[in-house]
Amino acid sequence: MLGLLLVKRTPAPQLETVSQTLPLRDESVSMKDRINLLASILGIIGFLGTIVSWAIDERVALVVSFVLLGASAIAVVGIAVQKRKSRVVIEKVLEEDLWVSSSRRNRLCVDSSFLSRDEGTLLFWILVPGRGEGLRDAPHNRYLFSHQTGEDGDSRHLNAFFLRYSSEETWDFWFSNPEGGMPNDLQRYRLEDRLTAGWHHVQISWNHSKPILSLLFDAGNSLSLTSKNYLPYWPREFDNYVYFGAWVSDYPESYVETKLRQLWICDGYLDATHSEVLRHRLIGRS
């Protein structure tokens, strides 16, 4: 059960959010960049060649020069766009280990505005204990994060967005629209618990323009799901906060009873390849 209690508002802690632009790939030049650069060089050489041959046929040389100059400009713009796409802005909400428990009542309240973005990624680490301990001792659902704007008369959660370890020993990533509608194939958003004890990296990415949604544990090496049919059920109205470490109502039994670390929010869609880069080269925890 989700714990149907009256919603208790908890003031947001004063968290220092640091924005930083970080690379998603190695700084070495990619093959695509090399090809674009080569095209630019050839275009410039060709343009200079037309100037030399101007006296032979002025009109032909003029047409060829403009064509080659245009190709060079397109190639240069392509390089610039590719460079821009290879970087994202990351908001670092939490860096150090934080033990979240019902005895401390210290869930994190994070501004929910990131959910309204057409494209974004949520990343964090969670310490998964052995079976039957802490997070995995779940007589009730334990929530890694949660959000909703209320419930209707049928106790359906409106604009829900949550990831939980369920009382049925599954990882449930569920969400709903303003009418409380959830995907018809809801069971595919319920993942069997196959995680080993230890730190695991969680990444949720979405891009509404494609559309595509993904959930990755350890860059998809442990657990993963991808959906292209999620958009009609995505939340469109938002409460003030997304609560990390417990259910919206601050229900004591919903606390994760474990550690969270390095909670980051990105302004772009990151795939499994990007996740590997962030996990190993930027975050530095495996």
C-alpha atoms as a PDB file:
ATOM      1  CA  MET A   1       0.000   0.000   0.000  1.00  0.00           C
ATOM      2  CA  LEU A   2       1.076   3.592  -0.535  1.00  0.00           C
ATOM      3  CA  GLY A   3       0.139   4.793   2.917  1.00  0.00           C
ATOM      4  CA  LEU A   4      -3.083   6.773   2.551  1.00  0.00           C
ATOM      5  CA  LEU A   5      -2.491   9.506   5.115  1.00  0.00           C
ATOM      6  CA  LEU A   6      -3.149  13.217   4.976  1.00  0.00           C
ATOM      7  CA  VAL A   7      -0.284  14.990   3.258  1.00  0.00           C
ATOM      8  CA  LYS A   8       2.000  16.603   5.796  1.00  0.00           C
ATOM      9  CA  ARG A   9       4.040  19.479   4.396  1.00  0.00           C
ATOM     10  CA  THR A  10       7.676  19.358   5.369  1.00  0.00           C
ATOM     11  CA  PRO A  11       9.775  22.530   4.918  1.00  0.00           C
ATOM     12  CA  ALA A  12      12.524  22.165   2.353  1.00  0.00           C
ATOM     13  CA  PRO A  13      16.004  22.001   3.849  1.00  0.00           C
ATOM     14  CA  GLN A  14      18.482  24.632   2.768  1.00  0.00           C
ATOM     15  CA  LEU A  15      20.394  22.721   0.105  1.00  0.00           C
ATOM     16  CA  GLU A  16      23.230  24.277  -1.841  1.00  0.00           C
ATOM     17  CA  THR A  17      22.608  23.533  -5.518  1.00  0.00           C
ATOM     18  CA  VAL A  18      25.668  23.937  -7.702  1.00  0.00           C
ATOM     19  CA  SER A  19      25.317  24.111 -11.489  1.00  0.00           C
ATOM     20  CA  GLN A  20      28.213  22.852 -13.579  1.00  0.00           C
ATOM     21  CA  THR A  21      28.708  22.131 -17.266  1.00  0.00           C
ATOM     22  CA  LEU A  22      30.356  18.763 -17.746  1.00  0.00           C
ATOM     23  CA  PRO A  23      31.473  16.737 -20.785  1.00  0.00           C
ATOM     24  CA  LEU A  24      29.606  13.565 -21.731  1.00  0.00           C
ATOM     25  CA  ARG A  25      32.482  12.041 -23.661  1.00  0.00           C
ATOM     26  CA  ASP A  26      36.249  12.057 -23.845  1.00  0.00           C
ATOM     27  CA  GLU A  27      37.831  15.292 -24.981  1.00  0.00           C
ATOM     28  CA  SER A  28      39.582  13.508 -27.859  1.00  0.00           C
ATOM     29  CA  VAL A  29      38.253  14.387 -31.313  1.00  0.00           C
ATOM     30  CA  SER A  30      35.626  11.932 -32.589  1.00  0.00           C
ATOM     31  CA  MET A  31      35.536  10.488 -36.105  1.00  0.00           C
ATOM     32  CA  LYS A  32      32.541  12.670 -36.939  1.00  0.00           C
ATOM     33  CA  ASP A  33      34.465  15.752 -35.857  1.00  0.00           C
ATOM     34  CA  ARG A  34      37.437  14.686 -37.993  1.00  0.00           C
ATOM     35  CA  ILE A  35      35.213  14.266 -41.055  1.00  0.00           C
ATOM     36  CA  ASN A  36      33.561  17.639 -40.506  1.00  0.00           C
ATOM     37  CA  LEU A  37      36.918  19.307 -39.995  1.00  0.00           C
ATOM     38  CA  LEU A  38      38.271  17.701 -43.153  1.00  0.00           C
ATOM     39  CA  ALA A  39      35.239  18.915 -45.103  1.00  0.00           C
ATOM     40  CA  SER A  40      35.877  22.431 -43.818  1.00  0.00           C
ATOM     41  CA  ILE A  41      39.523  22.348 -44.878  1.00  0.00           C
ATOM     42  CA  LEU A  42      38.677  20.996 -48.323  1.00  0.00           C
ATOM     43  CA  GLY A  43      36.017  23.636 -48.733  1.00  0.00           C
ATOM     44  CA  ILE A  44      38.420  26.417 -47.887  1.00  0.00           C
ATOM     45  CA  ILE A  45      41.068  24.992 -50.238  1.00  0.00           C
ATOM     46  CA  GLY A  46      38.490  24.739 -52.983  1.00  0.00           C
ATOM     47  CA  PHE A  47      37.405  28.318 -52.381  1.00  0.00           C
ATOM     48  CA  LEU A  48      40.977  29.527 -52.695  1.00  0.00           C
ATOM     49  CA  GLY A  49      41.323  27.451 -55.857  1.00  0.00           C
ATOM     50  CA  THR A  50      38.381  29.209 -57.474  1.00  0.00           C
ATOM     51  CA  ILE A  51      39.985  32.556 -56.817  1.00  0.00           C
ATOM     52  CA  VAL A  52      43.120  31.379 -58.611  1.00  0.00           C
ATOM     53  CA  SER A  53      41.060  30.175 -61.579  1.00  0.00           C
ATOM     54  CA  TRP A  54      38.941  33.331 -61.693  1.00  0.00           C
ATOM     55  CA  ALA A  55      40.531  34.516 -64.906  1.00  0.00           C
ATOM     56  CA  ILE A  56      39.651  31.282 -66.718  1.00  0.00           C
ATOM     57  CA  ASP A  57      35.878  31.583 -66.323  1.00  0.00           C
ATOM     58  CA  GLU A  58      34.593  34.243 -63.984  1.00  0.00           C
ATOM     59  CA  ARG A  59      30.969  33.083 -63.777  1.00  0.00           C
ATOM     60  CA  VAL A  60      31.753  29.403 -63.133  1.00  0.00           C
ATOM     61  CA  ALA A  61      34.358  30.328 -60.568  1.00  0.00           C
ATOM     62  CA  LEU A  62      31.838  32.537 -58.762  1.00  0.00           C
ATOM     63  CA  VAL A  63      29.218  29.777 -58.534  1.00  0.00           C
ATOM     64  CA  VAL A  64      31.721  27.164 -57.397  1.00  0.00           C
ATOM     65  CA  SER A  65      33.173  29.495 -54.782  1.00  0.00           C
ATOM     66  CA  PHE A  66      29.784  30.147 -53.186  1.00  0.00           C
ATOM     67  CA  VAL A  67      28.935  26.432 -53.167  1.00  0.00           C
ATOM     68  CA  LEU A  68      32.208  25.506 -51.494  1.00  0.00           C
ATOM     69  CA  LEU A  69      31.962  28.365 -49.028  1.00  0.00           C
ATOM     70  CA  GLY A  70      28.464  27.217 -48.048  1.00  0.00           C
ATOM     71  CA  ALA A  71      29.648  23.644 -47.554  1.00  0.00           C
ATOM     72  CA  SER A  72      32.461  24.874 -45.346  1.00  0.00           C
ATOM     73  CA  ALA A  73      30.078  26.933 -43.243  1.00  0.00           C
ATOM     74  CA  ILE A  74      27.731  23.979 -42.780  1.00  0.00           C
ATOM     75  CA  ALA A  75      30.617  21.760 -41.699  1.00  0.00           C
ATOM     76  CA  VAL A  76      31.832  24.330 -39.169  1.00  0.00           C
ATOM     77  CA  VAL A  77      28.310  24.731 -37.755  1.00  0.00           C
ATOM     78  CA  GLY A  78      28.036  20.933 -37.556  1.00  0.00           C
ATOM     79  CA  ILE A  79      31.163  20.760 -35.426  1.00  0.00           C
ATOM     80  CA  ALA A  80      29.856  23.490 -33.115  1.00  0.00           C
ATOM     81  CA  VAL A  81      26.479  21.758 -32.692  1.00  0.00           C
ATOM     82  CA  GLN A  82      28.119  18.411 -32.041  1.00  0.00           C
ATOM     83  CA  LYS A  83      30.326  19.977 -29.369  1.00  0.00           C
ATOM     84  CA  ARG A  84      27.324  21.628 -27.734  1.00  0.00           C
ATOM     85  CA  LYS A  85      25.321  18.384 -27.691  1.00  0.00           C
ATOM     86  CA  SER A  86      28.205  16.611 -26.006  1.00  0.00           C
ATOM     87  CA  ARG A  87      27.850  18.735 -22.863  1.00  0.00           C
ATOM     88  CA  VAL A  88      25.090  19.093 -20.267  1.00  0.00           C
ATOM     89  CA  VAL A  89      24.434  21.374 -17.317  1.00  0.00           C
ATOM     90  CA  ILE A  90      24.257  19.368 -14.091  1.00  0.00           C
ATOM     91  CA  GLU A  91      22.713  20.689 -10.887  1.00  0.00           C
ATOM     92  CA  LYS A  92      24.421  19.037  -7.946  1.00  0.00           C
ATOM     93  CA  VAL A  93      21.749  18.853  -5.247  1.00  0.00           C
ATOM     94  CA  LEU A  94      23.530  16.399  -2.945  1.00  0.00           C
ATOM     95  CA  GLU A  95      27.144  15.216  -2.960  1.00  0.00           C
ATOM     96  CA  GLU A  96      28.025  13.517   0.330  1.00  0.00           C
ATOM     97  CA  ASP A  97      26.452  10.402   1.840  1.00  0.00           C
ATOM     98  CA  LEU A  98      23.121  11.022   3.554  1.00  0.00           C
ATOM     99  CA  TRP A  99      21.486   8.323   5.690  1.00  0.00           C
ATOM    100  CA  VAL A 100      17.735   8.814   5.301  1.00  0.00           C
ATOM    101  CA  SER A 101      15.610   7.218   8.018  1.00  0.00           C
ATOM    102  CA  SER A 102      12.276   7.571   9.789  1.00  0.00           C
ATOM    103  CA  SER A 103      14.033   8.197  13.123  1.00  0.00           C
ATOM    104  CA  ARG A 104      15.716  11.281  11.618  1.00  0.00           C
ATOM    105  CA  ARG A 105      12.714  12.297   9.445  1.00  0.00           C
ATOM    106  CA  ASN A 106      15.300  13.777   7.088  1.00  0.00           C
ATOM    107  CA  ARG A 107      13.937  13.139   3.609  1.00  0.00           C
ATOM    108  CA  LEU A 108      15.144  15.625   0.998  1.00  0.00           C
ATOM    109  CA  CYS A 109      12.679  18.113  -0.464  1.00  0.00           C
ATOM    110  CA  VAL A 110      13.855  19.096  -3.960  1.00  0.00           C
ATOM    111  CA  ASP A 111      12.238  21.726  -6.186  1.00  0.00           C
ATOM    112  CA  SER A 112       9.972  19.833  -8.596  1.00  0.00           C
ATOM    113  CA  SER A 113      10.443  22.238 -11.523  1.00  0.00           C
ATOM    114  CA  PHE A 114      12.796  19.783 -13.246  1.00  0.00           C
ATOM    115  CA  LEU A 115       9.793  17.506 -13.901  1.00  0.00           C
ATOM    116  CA  SER A 116       8.246  20.153 -16.149  1.00  0.00           C
ATOM    117  CA  ARG A 117      11.205  20.067 -18.563  1.00  0.00           C
ATOM    118  CA  ASP A 118      10.669  18.513 -21.974  1.00  0.00           C
ATOM    119  CA  GLU A 119      14.044  16.823 -21.602  1.00  0.00           C
ATOM    120  CA  GLY A 120      15.998  15.891 -18.495  1.00  0.00           C
ATOM    121  CA  THR A 121      17.794  13.309 -16.400  1.00  0.00           C
ATOM    122  CA  LEU A 122      17.741  12.462 -12.714  1.00  0.00           C
ATOM    123  CA  LEU A 123      20.750  10.616 -11.274  1.00  0.00           C
ATOM    124  CA  PHE A 124      21.723   9.418  -7.815  1.00  0.00           C
ATOM    125  CA  TRP A 125      23.454   6.632  -5.929  1.00  0.00           C
ATOM    126  CA  ILE A 126      21.722   4.423  -3.381  1.00  0.00           C
ATOM    127  CA  LEU A 127      23.207   1.913  -0.975  1.00  0.00           C
ATOM    128  CA  VAL A 128      21.247  -1.325  -1.347  1.00  0.00           C
ATOM    129  CA  PRO A 129      21.584  -3.501   1.774  1.00  0.00           C
ATOM    130  CA  GLY A 130      21.304  -7.266   1.976  1.00  0.00           C
ATOM    131  CA  ARG A 131      17.882  -8.855   1.666  1.00  0.00           C
ATOM    132  CA  GLY A 132      15.677  -8.369   4.697  1.00  0.00           C
ATOM    133  CA  GLU A 133      17.650  -5.329   5.893  1.00  0.00           C
ATOM    134  CA  GLY A 134      16.741  -1.624   5.860  1.00  0.00           C
ATOM    135  CA  LEU A 135      15.490  -0.696   2.413  1.00  0.00           C
ATOM    136  CA  ARG A 136      14.863  -4.355   1.597  1.00  0.00           C
ATOM    137  CA  ASP A 137      12.957  -4.977   4.818  1.00  0.00           C
ATOM    138  CA  ALA A 138       9.744  -3.584   3.361  1.00  0.00           C
ATOM    139  CA  PRO A 139       6.488  -4.573   5.063  1.00  0.00           C
ATOM    140  CA  HIS A 140       5.325  -1.356   3.394  1.00  0.00           C
ATOM    141  CA  ASN A 141       6.603   0.301   0.226  1.00  0.00           C
ATOM    142  CA  ARG A 142       9.826   2.280   0.663  1.00  0.00           C
ATOM    143  CA  TYR A 143      10.249   5.283  -1.628  1.00  0.00           C
ATOM    144  CA  LEU A 144      13.497   6.370  -3.217  1.00  0.00           C
ATOM    145  CA  PHE A 145      11.593   9.460  -4.365  1.00  0.00           C
ATOM    146  CA  SER A 146       7.950  10.502  -4.589  1.00  0.00           C
ATOM    147  CA  HIS A 147       5.678  13.218  -5.957  1.00  0.00           C
ATOM    148  CA  GLN A 148       1.969  13.769  -6.421  1.00  0.00           C
ATOM    149  CA  THR A 149      -0.487  16.672  -6.405  1.00  0.00           C
ATOM    150  CA  GLY A 150      -3.266  14.828  -4.570  1.00  0.00           C
ATOM    151  CA  GLU A 151      -5.740  11.947  -4.845  1.00  0.00           C
ATOM    152  CA  ASP A 152      -9.168  11.616  -6.398  1.00  0.00           C
ATOM    153  CA  GLY A 153     -12.269   9.992  -4.962  1.00  0.00           C
ATOM    154  CA  ASP A 154     -11.025   6.560  -6.000  1.00  0.00           C
ATOM    155  CA  SER A 155      -7.703   7.069  -4.182  1.00  0.00           C
ATOM    156  CA  ARG A 156      -5.867   7.376  -7.473  1.00  0.00           C
ATOM    157  CA  HIS A 157      -2.686   9.406  -7.234  1.00  0.00           C
ATOM    158  CA  LEU A 158      -2.714  12.500  -9.450  1.00  0.00           C
ATOM    159  CA  ASN A 159       0.470  13.554 -11.248  1.00  0.00           C
ATOM    160  CA  ALA A 160       2.382  10.817  -9.464  1.00  0.00           C
ATOM    161  CA  PHE A 161       6.096  10.261 -10.046  1.00  0.00           C
ATOM    162  CA  PHE A 162       7.878   7.774  -7.818  1.00  0.00           C
ATOM    163  CA  LEU A 163      10.411   4.980  -7.589  1.00  0.00           C
ATOM    164  CA  ARG A 164      10.007   2.537  -4.720  1.00  0.00           C
ATOM    165  CA  TYR A 165      11.129  -0.785  -3.351  1.00  0.00           C
ATOM    166  CA  SER A 166       7.792  -2.499  -2.917  1.00  0.00           C
ATOM    167  CA  SER A 167       6.465  -4.843  -0.268  1.00  0.00           C
ATOM    168  CA  GLU A 168       6.442  -7.443  -3.074  1.00  0.00           C
ATOM    169  CA  GLU A 169      10.250  -7.112  -3.434  1.00  0.00           C
ATOM    170  CA  THR A 170      10.199  -5.303  -6.783  1.00  0.00           C
ATOM    171  CA  TRP A 171      11.479  -1.943  -8.006  1.00  0.00           C
ATOM    172  CA  ASP A 172       8.427   0.037  -9.168  1.00  0.00           C
ATOM    173  CA  PHE A 173       8.795   3.143 -11.331  1.00  0.00           C
ATOM    174  CA  TRP A 174       5.280   4.519 -11.674  1.00  0.00           C
ATOM    175  CA  PHE A 175       3.792   7.832 -12.776  1.00  0.00           C
ATOM    176  CA  SER A 176       0.384   9.267 -13.657  1.00  0.00           C
ATOM    177  CA  ASN A 177      -1.279  12.188 -15.432  1.00  0.00           C
ATOM    178  CA  PRO A 178      -3.600  14.816 -13.857  1.00  0.00           C
ATOM    179  CA  GLU A 179      -6.540  12.401 -14.101  1.00  0.00           C
ATOM    180  CA  GLY A 180      -4.631   9.682 -12.261  1.00  0.00           C
ATOM    181  CA  GLY A 181      -4.205   7.627 -15.432  1.00  0.00           C
ATOM    182  CA  MET A 182      -1.255   5.236 -15.503  1.00  0.00           C
ATOM    183  CA  PRO A 183       0.167   3.195 -18.416  1.00  0.00           C
ATOM    184  CA  ASN A 184      -1.937   0.188 -19.370  1.00  0.00           C
ATOM    185  CA  ASP A 185       1.184  -1.982 -19.353  1.00  0.00           C
ATOM    186  CA  LEU A 186       2.052  -0.937 -15.809  1.00  0.00           C
ATOM    187  CA  GLN A 187       3.690  -4.255 -14.994  1.00  0.00           C
ATOM    188  CA  ARG A 188       6.566  -3.515 -17.384  1.00  0.00           C
ATOM    189  CA  TYR A 189       7.500  -0.633 -15.077  1.00  0.00           C
ATOM    190  CA  ARG A 190       7.919  -3.142 -12.235  1.00  0.00           C
ATOM    191  CA  LEU A 191      11.413  -4.668 -12.206  1.00  0.00           C
ATOM    192  CA  GLU A 192      12.391  -7.859 -10.447  1.00  0.00           C
ATOM    193  CA  ASP A 193      14.904  -7.291  -7.662  1.00  0.00           C
ATOM    194  CA  ARG A 194      18.190  -8.736  -8.917  1.00  0.00           C
ATOM    195  CA  LEU A 195      20.531  -6.210  -7.336  1.00  0.00           C
ATOM    196  CA  THR A 196      23.482  -7.276  -5.231  1.00  0.00           C
ATOM    197  CA  ALA A 197      24.194  -5.596  -1.907  1.00  0.00           C
ATOM    198  CA  GLY A 198      26.243  -2.426  -2.295  1.00  0.00           C
ATOM    199  CA  TRP A 199      26.136   0.955  -4.013  1.00  0.00           C
ATOM    200  CA  HIS A 200      24.047   1.218  -7.186  1.00  0.00           C
ATOM    201  CA  HIS A 201      23.620   4.098  -9.619  1.00  0.00           C
ATOM    202  CA  VAL A 202      20.070   5.078 -10.609  1.00  0.00           C
ATOM    203  CA  GLN A 203      19.320   7.127 -13.722  1.00  0.00           C
ATOM    204  CA  ILE A 204      15.947   8.236 -15.090  1.00  0.00           C
ATOM    205  CA  SER A 205      15.964  10.110 -18.419  1.00  0.00           C
ATOM    206  CA  TRP A 206      13.178  11.486 -20.598  1.00  0.00           C
ATOM    207  CA  ASN A 207      12.833  13.340 -23.873  1.00  0.00           C
ATOM    208  CA  HIS A 208       9.261  14.276 -24.776  1.00  0.00           C
ATOM    209  CA  SER A 209      10.109  15.335 -28.341  1.00  0.00           C
ATOM    210  CA  LYS A 210      11.096  11.793 -29.384  1.00  0.00           C
ATOM    211  CA  PRO A 211       9.400  10.570 -27.044  1.00  0.00           C
ATOM    212  CA  ILE A 212      11.542   8.231 -24.948  1.00  0.00           C
ATOM    213  CA  LEU A 213      11.816   7.378 -21.265  1.00  0.00           C
ATOM    214  CA  SER A 214      14.412   5.159 -19.598  1.00  0.00           C
ATOM    215  CA  LEU A 215      15.272   3.842 -16.153  1.00  0.00           C
ATOM    216  CA  LEU A 216      18.773   2.443 -15.704  1.00  0.00           C
ATOM    217  CA  PHE A 217      20.392   0.793 -12.717  1.00  0.00           C
ATOM    218  CA  ASP A 218      24.178   0.886 -13.169  1.00  0.00           C
ATOM    219  CA  ALA A 219      23.910   2.168 -16.759  1.00  0.00           C
ATOM    220  CA  GLY A 220      21.528  -0.690 -17.547  1.00  0.00           C
ATOM    221  CA  ASN A 221      24.010  -3.368 -16.530  1.00  0.00           C
ATOM    222  CA  SER A 222      21.869  -4.427 -13.545  1.00  0.00           C
ATOM    223  CA  LEU A 223      18.268  -3.448 -14.367  1.00  0.00           C
ATOM    224  CA  SER A 224      16.707  -1.320 -17.095  1.00  0.00           C
ATOM    225  CA  LEU A 225      13.509  -0.370 -18.881  1.00  0.00           C
ATOM    226  CA  THR A 226      12.716   1.863 -21.856  1.00  0.00           C
ATOM    227  CA  SER A 227       9.352   3.181 -23.034  1.00  0.00           C
ATOM    228  CA  LYS A 228       8.164   5.213 -26.019  1.00  0.00           C
ATOM    229  CA  ASN A 229       4.489   5.166 -24.997  1.00  0.00           C
ATOM    230  CA  TYR A 230       4.724   6.926 -21.651  1.00  0.00           C
ATOM    231  CA  LEU A 231       3.942  10.522 -22.627  1.00  0.00           C
ATOM    232  CA  PRO A 232       0.094  10.513 -22.244  1.00  0.00           C
ATOM    233  CA  TYR A 233       0.587   9.416 -18.623  1.00  0.00           C
ATOM    234  CA  TRP A 234       3.393  11.800 -17.666  1.00  0.00           C
ATOM    235  CA  PRO A 235       2.536  14.303 -14.882  1.00  0.00           C
ATOM    236  CA  ARG A 236       1.597  17.759 -16.183  1.00  0.00           C
ATOM    237  CA  GLU A 237       0.862  19.523 -12.907  1.00  0.00           C
ATOM    238  CA  PHE A 238       3.368  19.769 -10.093  1.00  0.00           C
ATOM    239  CA  ASP A 239       3.574  20.159  -6.350  1.00  0.00           C
ATOM    240  CA  ASN A 240       6.365  22.251  -4.852  1.00  0.00           C
ATOM    241  CA  TYR A 241       8.698  19.341  -4.153  1.00  0.00           C
ATOM    242  CA  VAL A 242       9.864  15.895  -5.120  1.00  0.00           C
ATOM    243  CA  TYR A 243      10.632  14.041  -1.875  1.00  0.00           C
ATOM    244  CA  PHE A 244      13.719  11.857  -1.825  1.00  0.00           C
ATOM    245  CA  GLY A 245      13.837   9.063   0.730  1.00  0.00           C
ATOM    246  CA  ALA A 246      10.152   8.778   1.699  1.00  0.00           C
ATOM    247  CA  TRP A 247       6.560   9.046   0.499  1.00  0.00           C
ATOM    248  CA  VAL A 248       4.891  12.434   0.018  1.00  0.00           C
ATOM    249  CA  SER A 249       2.919  12.217   3.269  1.00  0.00           C
ATOM    250  CA  ASP A 250       6.093  11.620   5.339  1.00  0.00           C
ATOM    251  CA  TYR A 251       4.676   8.232   6.334  1.00  0.00           C
ATOM    252  CA  PRO A 252       7.337   6.711   8.679  1.00  0.00           C
ATOM    253  CA  GLU A 253       7.126   3.222   7.152  1.00  0.00           C
ATOM    254  CA  SER A 254       7.923   4.650   3.705  1.00  0.00           C
ATOM    255  CA  TYR A 255      11.474   5.791   4.560  1.00  0.00           C
ATOM    256  CA  VAL A 256      14.272   4.063   2.652  1.00  0.00           C
ATOM    257  CA  GLU A 257      16.422   3.443   5.764  1.00  0.00           C
ATOM    258  CA  THR A 258      19.641   3.638   3.776  1.00  0.00           C
ATOM    259  CA  LYS A 259      22.129   6.080   2.233  1.00  0.00           C
ATOM    260  CA  LEU A 260      21.709   8.334  -0.775  1.00  0.00           C
ATOM    261  CA  ARG A 261      24.631  10.014  -2.488  1.00  0.00           C
ATOM    262  CA  GLN A 262      25.364  12.393  -5.358  1.00  0.00           C
ATOM    263  CA  LEU A 263      21.882  13.463  -6.380  1.00  0.00           C
ATOM    264  CA  TRP A 264      22.241  15.269  -9.707  1.00  0.00           C
ATOM    265  CA  ILE A 265      19.701  16.777 -12.112  1.00  0.00           C
ATOM    266  CA  CYS A 266      20.654  17.337 -15.781  1.00  0.00           C
ATOM    267  CA  ASP A 267      19.085  19.511 -18.462  1.00  0.00           C
ATOM    268  CA  GLY A 268      19.337  16.868 -21.207  1.00  0.00           C
ATOM    269  CA  TYR A 269      18.522  13.262 -22.008  1.00  0.00           C
ATOM    270  CA  LEU A 270      21.385  10.905 -21.113  1.00  0.00           C
ATOM    271  CA  ASP A 271      21.547   7.382 -22.502  1.00  0.00           C
ATOM    272  CA  ALA A 272      23.422   4.337 -21.199  1.00  0.00           C
ATOM    273  CA  THR A 273      26.684   5.422 -22.811  1.00  0.00           C
ATOM    274  CA  HIS A 274      26.526   8.808 -21.123  1.00  0.00           C
ATOM    275  CA  SER A 275      25.660   7.087 -17.859  1.00  0.00           C
ATOM    276  CA  GLU A 276      28.844   5.020 -18.016  1.00  0.00           C
ATOM    277  CA  VAL A 277      30.914   8.166 -18.549  1.00  0.00           C
ATOM    278  CA  LEU A 278      29.272   9.932 -15.635  1.00  0.00           C
ATOM    279  CA  ARG A 279      29.517   6.922 -13.363  1.00  0.00           C
ATOM    280  CA  HIS A 280      33.187   6.165 -13.917  1.00  0.00           C
ATOM    281  CA  ARG A 281      34.919   9.326 -15.087  1.00  0.00           C
ATOM    282  CA  LEU A 282      32.911  12.095 -13.395  1.00  0.00           C
ATOM    283  CA  ILE A 283      31.294  10.587 -10.324  1.00  0.00           C
ATOM    284  CA  GLY A 284      34.135   8.251  -9.527  1.00  0.00           C
ATOM    285  CA  ARG A 285      32.189   5.570  -7.654  1.00  0.00           C
ATOM    286  CA  SER A 286      31.620   2.097  -9.083  1.00  0.00           C
END
